[in-house]
C-alpha atoms as a PDB file:
ATOM      1  CA  MET A   1       5.180  16.386  13.661  1.00  0.00           C
ATOM      2  CA  ILE A   2       3.270  14.364  16.225  1.00  0.00           C
ATOM      3  CA  ILE A   3       1.926  10.990  15.131  1.00  0.00           C
ATOM      4  CA  ASP A   4      -1.263   9.858  16.866  1.00  0.00           C
ATOM      5  CA  TYR A   5      -0.523   6.178  17.498  1.00  0.00           C
ATOM      6  CA  THR A   6      -3.787   5.824  19.421  1.00  0.00           C
ATOM      7  CA  THR A   7      -5.760   6.670  16.283  1.00  0.00           C
ATOM      8  CA  ILE A   8      -3.656   4.310  14.172  1.00  0.00           C
ATOM      9  CA  GLY A   9      -4.156   1.502  16.693  1.00  0.00           C
ATOM     10  CA  SER A  10      -7.897   2.137  16.760  1.00  0.00           C
ATOM     11  CA  ARG A  11      -8.088   2.053  12.972  1.00  0.00           C
ATOM     12  CA  ILE A  12      -6.169  -1.245  12.887  1.00  0.00           C
ATOM     13  CA  ARG A  13      -8.545  -2.700  15.492  1.00  0.00           C
ATOM     14  CA  GLU A  14     -11.557  -1.432  13.516  1.00  0.00           C
ATOM     15  CA  PHE A  15     -10.401  -3.042  10.267  1.00  0.00           C
ATOM     16  CA  ARG A  16      -9.463  -6.263  12.084  1.00  0.00           C
ATOM     17  CA  LYS A  17     -12.890  -6.504  13.719  1.00  0.00           C
ATOM     18  CA  ARG A  18     -14.645  -5.821  10.397  1.00  0.00           C
ATOM     19  CA  ARG A  19     -13.055  -9.050   9.215  1.00  0.00           C
ATOM     20  CA  ASN A  20     -14.011 -10.834  12.428  1.00  0.00           C
ATOM     21  CA  TRP A  21     -10.346 -11.614  13.050  1.00  0.00           C
ATOM     22  CA  THR A  22      -8.708 -12.085  16.398  1.00  0.00           C
ATOM     23  CA  GLN A  23      -5.423 -10.380  17.148  1.00  0.00           C
ATOM     24  CA  ALA A  24      -3.774 -13.781  16.705  1.00  0.00           C
ATOM     25  CA  GLN A  25      -5.254 -14.122  13.208  1.00  0.00           C
ATOM     26  CA  LEU A  26      -4.010 -10.668  12.202  1.00  0.00           C
ATOM     27  CA  ALA A  27      -0.613 -11.508  13.662  1.00  0.00           C
ATOM     28  CA  GLU A  28      -0.440 -14.714  11.636  1.00  0.00           C
ATOM     29  CA  LYS A  29      -1.514 -13.033   8.402  1.00  0.00           C
ATOM     30  CA  SER A  30       0.874 -10.099   8.868  1.00  0.00           C
ATOM     31  CA  GLY A  31       3.842 -12.019  10.255  1.00  0.00           C
ATOM     32  CA  ILE A  32       3.867  -9.992  13.456  1.00  0.00           C
ATOM     33  CA  GLU A  33       3.927 -11.361  17.006  1.00  0.00           C
ATOM     34  CA  PRO A  34       0.424 -11.490  18.567  1.00  0.00           C
ATOM     35  CA  SER A  35       1.598  -9.503  21.604  1.00  0.00           C
ATOM     36  CA  ASN A  36       2.810  -6.751  19.243  1.00  0.00           C
ATOM     37  CA  ILE A  37      -0.654  -6.494  17.646  1.00  0.00           C
ATOM     38  CA  SER A  38      -2.118  -5.937  21.102  1.00  0.00           C
ATOM     39  CA  HIS A  39       0.510  -3.288  21.897  1.00  0.00           C
ATOM     40  CA  ILE A  40      -0.056  -1.547  18.551  1.00  0.00           C
ATOM     41  CA  GLU A  41      -3.845  -1.464  18.961  1.00  0.00           C
ATOM     42  CA  ARG A  42      -3.482   0.019  22.455  1.00  0.00           C
ATOM     43  CA  ALA A  43      -0.785   2.476  21.300  1.00  0.00           C
ATOM     44  CA  ALA A  44       1.548   0.997  23.900  1.00  0.00           C
ATOM     45  CA  THR A  45       4.284   0.893  21.280  1.00  0.00           C
ATOM     46  CA  LYS A  46       5.239   2.830  18.186  1.00  0.00           C
ATOM     47  CA  LEU A  47       5.184   0.872  14.981  1.00  0.00           C
ATOM     48  CA  SER A  48       7.671   0.958  12.144  1.00  0.00           C
ATOM     49  CA  LEU A  49       6.826   1.532   8.515  1.00  0.00           C
ATOM     50  CA  PRO A  50       7.540  -2.132   7.587  1.00  0.00           C
ATOM     51  CA  THR A  51       5.184  -3.263  10.369  1.00  0.00           C
ATOM     52  CA  LEU A  52       2.501  -0.823   9.241  1.00  0.00           C
ATOM     53  CA  ILE A  53       2.821  -2.048   5.653  1.00  0.00           C
ATOM     54  CA  SER A  54       2.584  -5.699   6.766  1.00  0.00           C
ATOM     55  CA  ILE A  55      -0.591  -4.934   8.702  1.00  0.00           C
ATOM     56  CA  ALA A  56      -2.101  -2.930   5.825  1.00  0.00           C
ATOM     57  CA  ASN A  57      -1.372  -5.740   3.381  1.00  0.00           C
ATOM     58  CA  ALA A  58      -2.846  -8.357   5.716  1.00  0.00           C
ATOM     59  CA  LEU A  59      -5.987  -6.269   6.208  1.00  0.00           C
ATOM     60  CA  GLU A  60      -6.101  -5.388   2.485  1.00  0.00           C
ATOM     61  CA  VAL A  61      -6.355  -1.659   3.196  1.00  0.00           C
ATOM     62  CA  THR A  62      -4.218   1.304   2.190  1.00  0.00           C
ATOM     63  CA  LEU A  63      -1.746   3.015   4.464  1.00  0.00           C
ATOM     64  CA  ASP A  64      -3.899   6.134   4.133  1.00  0.00           C
ATOM     65  CA  GLU A  65      -6.800   4.274   5.693  1.00  0.00           C
ATOM     66  CA  LEU A  66      -4.676   3.214   8.658  1.00  0.00           C
ATOM     67  CA  VAL A  67      -3.048   6.590   9.322  1.00  0.00           C
ATOM     68  CA  TYR A  68      -6.218   8.579   8.612  1.00  0.00           C
ATOM     69  CA  GLY A  69      -6.420  11.380  11.122  1.00  0.00           C
ATOM     70  CA  ASN A  70      -2.678  11.971  10.947  1.00  0.00           C
ATOM     71  CA  LEU A  71      -2.705  13.191   7.342  1.00  0.00           C
ATOM     72  CA  VAL A  72      -3.164  16.784   6.273  1.00  0.00           C
ATOM     73  CA  LYS A  73      -4.682  15.701   2.983  1.00  0.00           C
ATOM     74  CA  SER A  74      -7.125  12.900   3.652  1.00  0.00           C
ATOM     75  CA  SER A  75     -10.442  13.827   2.058  1.00  0.00           C
ATOM     76  CA  HIS A  76     -10.242  10.792  -0.236  1.00  0.00           C
ATOM     77  CA  VAL A  77     -10.208   8.546   2.845  1.00  0.00           C
ATOM     78  CA  SER A  78     -13.161  10.440   4.308  1.00  0.00           C
ATOM     79  CA  ILE A  79     -15.125   9.920   1.119  1.00  0.00           C
ATOM     80  CA  LYS A  80     -14.352   6.196   1.213  1.00  0.00           C
ATOM     81  CA  LEU A  81     -15.467   6.061   4.859  1.00  0.00           C
ATOM     82  CA  ILE A  82     -18.771   7.688   3.951  1.00  0.00           C
ATOM     83  CA  ASP A  83     -19.169   5.315   1.002  1.00  0.00           C
ATOM     84  CA  ASP A  84     -18.542   2.312   3.275  1.00  0.00           C
ATOM     85  CA  LEU A  85     -21.178   3.589   5.692  1.00  0.00           C
ATOM     86  CA  ILE A  86     -23.901   4.010   3.075  1.00  0.00           C
ATOM     87  CA  VAL A  87     -23.219   0.986   0.893  1.00  0.00           C
ATOM     88  CA  ASP A  88     -26.065  -0.999   2.461  1.00  0.00           C
ATOM     89  CA  CYS A  89     -28.511   1.905   2.857  1.00  0.00           C
ATOM     90  CA  SER A  90     -31.843   2.204   1.100  1.00  0.00           C
ATOM     91  CA  SER A  91     -32.574   5.150  -1.184  1.00  0.00           C
ATOM     92  CA  GLU A  92     -34.590   6.818   1.571  1.00  0.00           C
ATOM     93  CA  GLU A  93     -31.743   6.381   4.063  1.00  0.00           C
ATOM     94  CA  ILE A  94     -29.246   7.866   1.605  1.00  0.00           C
ATOM     95  CA  LYS A  95     -31.518  10.856   0.998  1.00  0.00           C
ATOM     96  CA  ALA A  96     -31.865  11.414   4.754  1.00  0.00           C
ATOM     97  CA  LEU A  97     -28.103  11.121   5.280  1.00  0.00           C
ATOM     98  CA  ALA A  98     -27.435  13.522   2.404  1.00  0.00           C
ATOM     99  CA  GLU A  99     -29.781  16.054   3.996  1.00  0.00           C
ATOM    100  CA  MET A 100     -27.985  15.632   7.343  1.00  0.00           C
ATOM    101  CA  ILE A 101     -24.622  16.215   5.677  1.00  0.00           C
ATOM    102  CA  LYS A 102     -25.968  19.291   3.899  1.00  0.00           C
ATOM    103  CA  THR A 103     -27.357  20.696   7.159  1.00  0.00           C
ATOM    104  CA  THR A 104     -24.194  19.891   9.110  1.00  0.00           C
ATOM    105  CA  LYS A 105     -22.037  21.519   6.435  1.00  0.00           C
ATOM    106  CA  HIS A 106     -24.183  24.647   6.594  1.00  0.00           C
ATOM    107  CA  ILE A 107     -23.908  24.771  10.404  1.00  0.00           C
ATOM    108  CA  LEU A 108     -20.136  24.249  10.340  1.00  0.00           C
ATOM    109  CA  ARG A 109     -19.576  26.973   7.786  1.00  0.00           C
ATOM    110  CA  ASN A 110     -21.815  29.479   9.561  1.00  0.00           C
ATOM    111  CA  ASN A 111     -20.179  28.944  12.957  1.00  0.00           C
ATOM    112  CA  LYS A 112     -16.652  29.893  11.876  1.00  0.00           C
END
């Protein structure tokens, strides 16, 4: 199995930026060296399970959310991502997005 460390690093960066944290702040909260956070986010190094857990705990996210894209079964993470995207939408925006999803689903299924 190939693990996509670039995707994991990007997800870590995304969650860190959502909290408006610097790499140094994430390092402090996770107990990891600041230079290692930079290397992890750029996929310049592989990270161990204990390191991944420390980062997930610091960011208050699940491991699934960090390794999303590497999992065969990840629809629950996708649903959470969609929920996070629409949480601040108006009713009209949600209706429009639902219609876009419906149309996209139809296109995807008909182009197989």
